[in-house]
Amino acid sequence: RFRIAGCSDSDGEDMYALDGEEKWYADFINKKGVEPLPSFIDHISYVEGTYESAESKQQTCRQNLKLRRKAMK
């Protein structure tokens, strides 16, 4: 299992993968979680609230980014 999460002032990423395949990602523009798996395989559904958790983590990430910038000056 693999997860990427990060942010910048204007963008963010939150994605889960397994065996090199993207299983879920947060689409922050359309405000929803996306499961980009083909229709011919069984889907691994993520629990309700996964997208909301990703949004919350983005806010925390941006706050931490501001604090780190201030500390580096």
C-alpha atoms as a PDB file:
ATOM      1  CA  ARG A   1       0.000   0.000   0.000  1.00  0.00           C
ATOM      2  CA  PHE A   2       1.307   3.411  -0.956  1.00  0.00           C
ATOM      3  CA  ARG A   3       0.064   6.935  -0.186  1.00  0.00           C
ATOM      4  CA  ILE A   4       1.054  10.336  -1.497  1.00  0.00           C
ATOM      5  CA  ALA A   5      -0.100  13.476   0.298  1.00  0.00           C
ATOM      6  CA  GLY A   6       1.213  16.980  -0.061  1.00  0.00           C
ATOM      7  CA  CYS A   7       0.339  20.590  -0.681  1.00  0.00           C
ATOM      8  CA  SER A   8       1.449  23.957  -1.966  1.00  0.00           C
ATOM      9  CA  ASP A   9      -0.131  27.390  -1.687  1.00  0.00           C
ATOM     10  CA  SER A  10      -2.334  26.687  -4.688  1.00  0.00           C
ATOM     11  CA  ASP A  11      -2.548  22.911  -5.107  1.00  0.00           C
ATOM     12  CA  GLY A  12      -2.695  19.648  -3.212  1.00  0.00           C
ATOM     13  CA  GLU A  13      -2.513  15.891  -3.652  1.00  0.00           C
ATOM     14  CA  ASP A  14      -3.918  12.960  -1.707  1.00  0.00           C
ATOM     15  CA  MET A  15      -3.720   9.548  -3.377  1.00  0.00           C
ATOM     16  CA  TYR A  16      -3.723   5.870  -2.416  1.00  0.00           C
ATOM     17  CA  ALA A  17      -2.166   3.117  -4.548  1.00  0.00           C
ATOM     18  CA  LEU A  18      -1.590  -0.619  -4.336  1.00  0.00           C
ATOM     19  CA  ASP A  19       0.908  -2.632  -6.393  1.00  0.00           C
ATOM     20  CA  GLY A  20       1.682   0.396  -8.548  1.00  0.00           C
ATOM     21  CA  GLU A  21      -1.972   1.069  -9.398  1.00  0.00           C
ATOM     22  CA  GLU A  22      -3.822   4.190  -8.323  1.00  0.00           C
ATOM     23  CA  LYS A  23      -6.829   3.104  -6.231  1.00  0.00           C
ATOM     24  CA  TRP A  24      -8.241   6.418  -4.982  1.00  0.00           C
ATOM     25  CA  TYR A  25      -7.443  10.096  -5.192  1.00  0.00           C
ATOM     26  CA  ALA A  26      -8.969  13.326  -3.968  1.00  0.00           C
ATOM     27  CA  ASP A  27     -10.223  15.574  -6.746  1.00  0.00           C
ATOM     28  CA  PHE A  28     -10.031  18.915  -4.928  1.00  0.00           C
ATOM     29  CA  ILE A  29     -11.376  20.849  -7.947  1.00  0.00           C
ATOM     30  CA  ASN A  30     -14.624  18.830  -8.148  1.00  0.00           C
ATOM     31  CA  LYS A  31     -14.662  18.203  -4.384  1.00  0.00           C
ATOM     32  CA  LYS A  32     -14.959  14.406  -4.451  1.00  0.00           C
ATOM     33  CA  GLY A  33     -12.995  11.196  -4.132  1.00  0.00           C
ATOM     34  CA  VAL A  34     -12.304   9.288  -7.348  1.00  0.00           C
ATOM     35  CA  GLU A  35     -11.760   5.539  -7.782  1.00  0.00           C
ATOM     36  CA  PRO A  36     -10.112   5.355 -11.238  1.00  0.00           C
ATOM     37  CA  LEU A  37     -10.348   1.575 -11.600  1.00  0.00           C
ATOM     38  CA  PRO A  38     -11.652  -0.061 -14.788  1.00  0.00           C
ATOM     39  CA  SER A  39     -15.229  -1.361 -14.656  1.00  0.00           C
ATOM     40  CA  PHE A  40     -14.216  -5.000 -15.236  1.00  0.00           C
ATOM     41  CA  ILE A  41     -12.535  -5.437 -11.841  1.00  0.00           C
ATOM     42  CA  ASP A  42     -13.922  -5.470  -8.318  1.00  0.00           C
ATOM     43  CA  HIS A  43     -13.673  -2.024  -6.767  1.00  0.00           C
ATOM     44  CA  ILE A  44     -12.071  -1.406  -3.412  1.00  0.00           C
ATOM     45  CA  SER A  45     -14.381   1.154  -1.877  1.00  0.00           C
ATOM     46  CA  TYR A  46     -13.004   3.601   0.656  1.00  0.00           C
ATOM     47  CA  VAL A  47     -14.963   4.441   3.775  1.00  0.00           C
ATOM     48  CA  GLU A  48     -17.318   7.379   3.816  1.00  0.00           C
ATOM     49  CA  GLY A  49     -15.486  10.507   4.888  1.00  0.00           C
ATOM     50  CA  THR A  50     -12.201   9.704   3.113  1.00  0.00           C
ATOM     51  CA  TYR A  51     -12.507  12.793   0.916  1.00  0.00           C
ATOM     52  CA  GLU A  52     -13.428  15.018   3.859  1.00  0.00           C
ATOM     53  CA  SER A  53     -10.391  13.683   5.716  1.00  0.00           C
ATOM     54  CA  ALA A  54      -8.204  14.530   2.711  1.00  0.00           C
ATOM     55  CA  GLU A  55      -9.558  18.111   2.709  1.00  0.00           C
ATOM     56  CA  SER A  56      -8.820  18.442   6.419  1.00  0.00           C
ATOM     57  CA  LYS A  57      -5.281  17.140   5.926  1.00  0.00           C
ATOM     58  CA  GLN A  58      -4.752  19.733   3.174  1.00  0.00           C
ATOM     59  CA  GLN A  59      -5.646  22.528   5.588  1.00  0.00           C
ATOM     60  CA  THR A  60      -3.195  21.140   8.142  1.00  0.00           C
ATOM     61  CA  CYS A  61      -0.535  20.806   5.447  1.00  0.00           C
ATOM     62  CA  ARG A  62      -0.940  24.445   4.401  1.00  0.00           C
ATOM     63  CA  GLN A  63      -0.740  25.632   8.009  1.00  0.00           C
ATOM     64  CA  ASN A  64       2.452  23.603   8.488  1.00  0.00           C
ATOM     65  CA  LEU A  65       3.826  25.046   5.244  1.00  0.00           C
ATOM     66  CA  LYS A  66       3.264  28.597   6.549  1.00  0.00           C
ATOM     67  CA  LEU A  67       4.946  27.764   9.861  1.00  0.00           C
ATOM     68  CA  ARG A  68       7.958  26.215   8.133  1.00  0.00           C
ATOM     69  CA  ARG A  69       8.374  29.217   5.862  1.00  0.00           C
ATOM     70  CA  LYS A  70       8.288  31.536   8.855  1.00  0.00           C
ATOM     71  CA  ALA A  71      10.822  29.388  10.741  1.00  0.00           C
ATOM     72  CA  MET A  72      13.169  29.306   7.739  1.00  0.00           C
ATOM     73  CA  LYS A  73      13.303  33.129   7.531  1.00  0.00           C
END
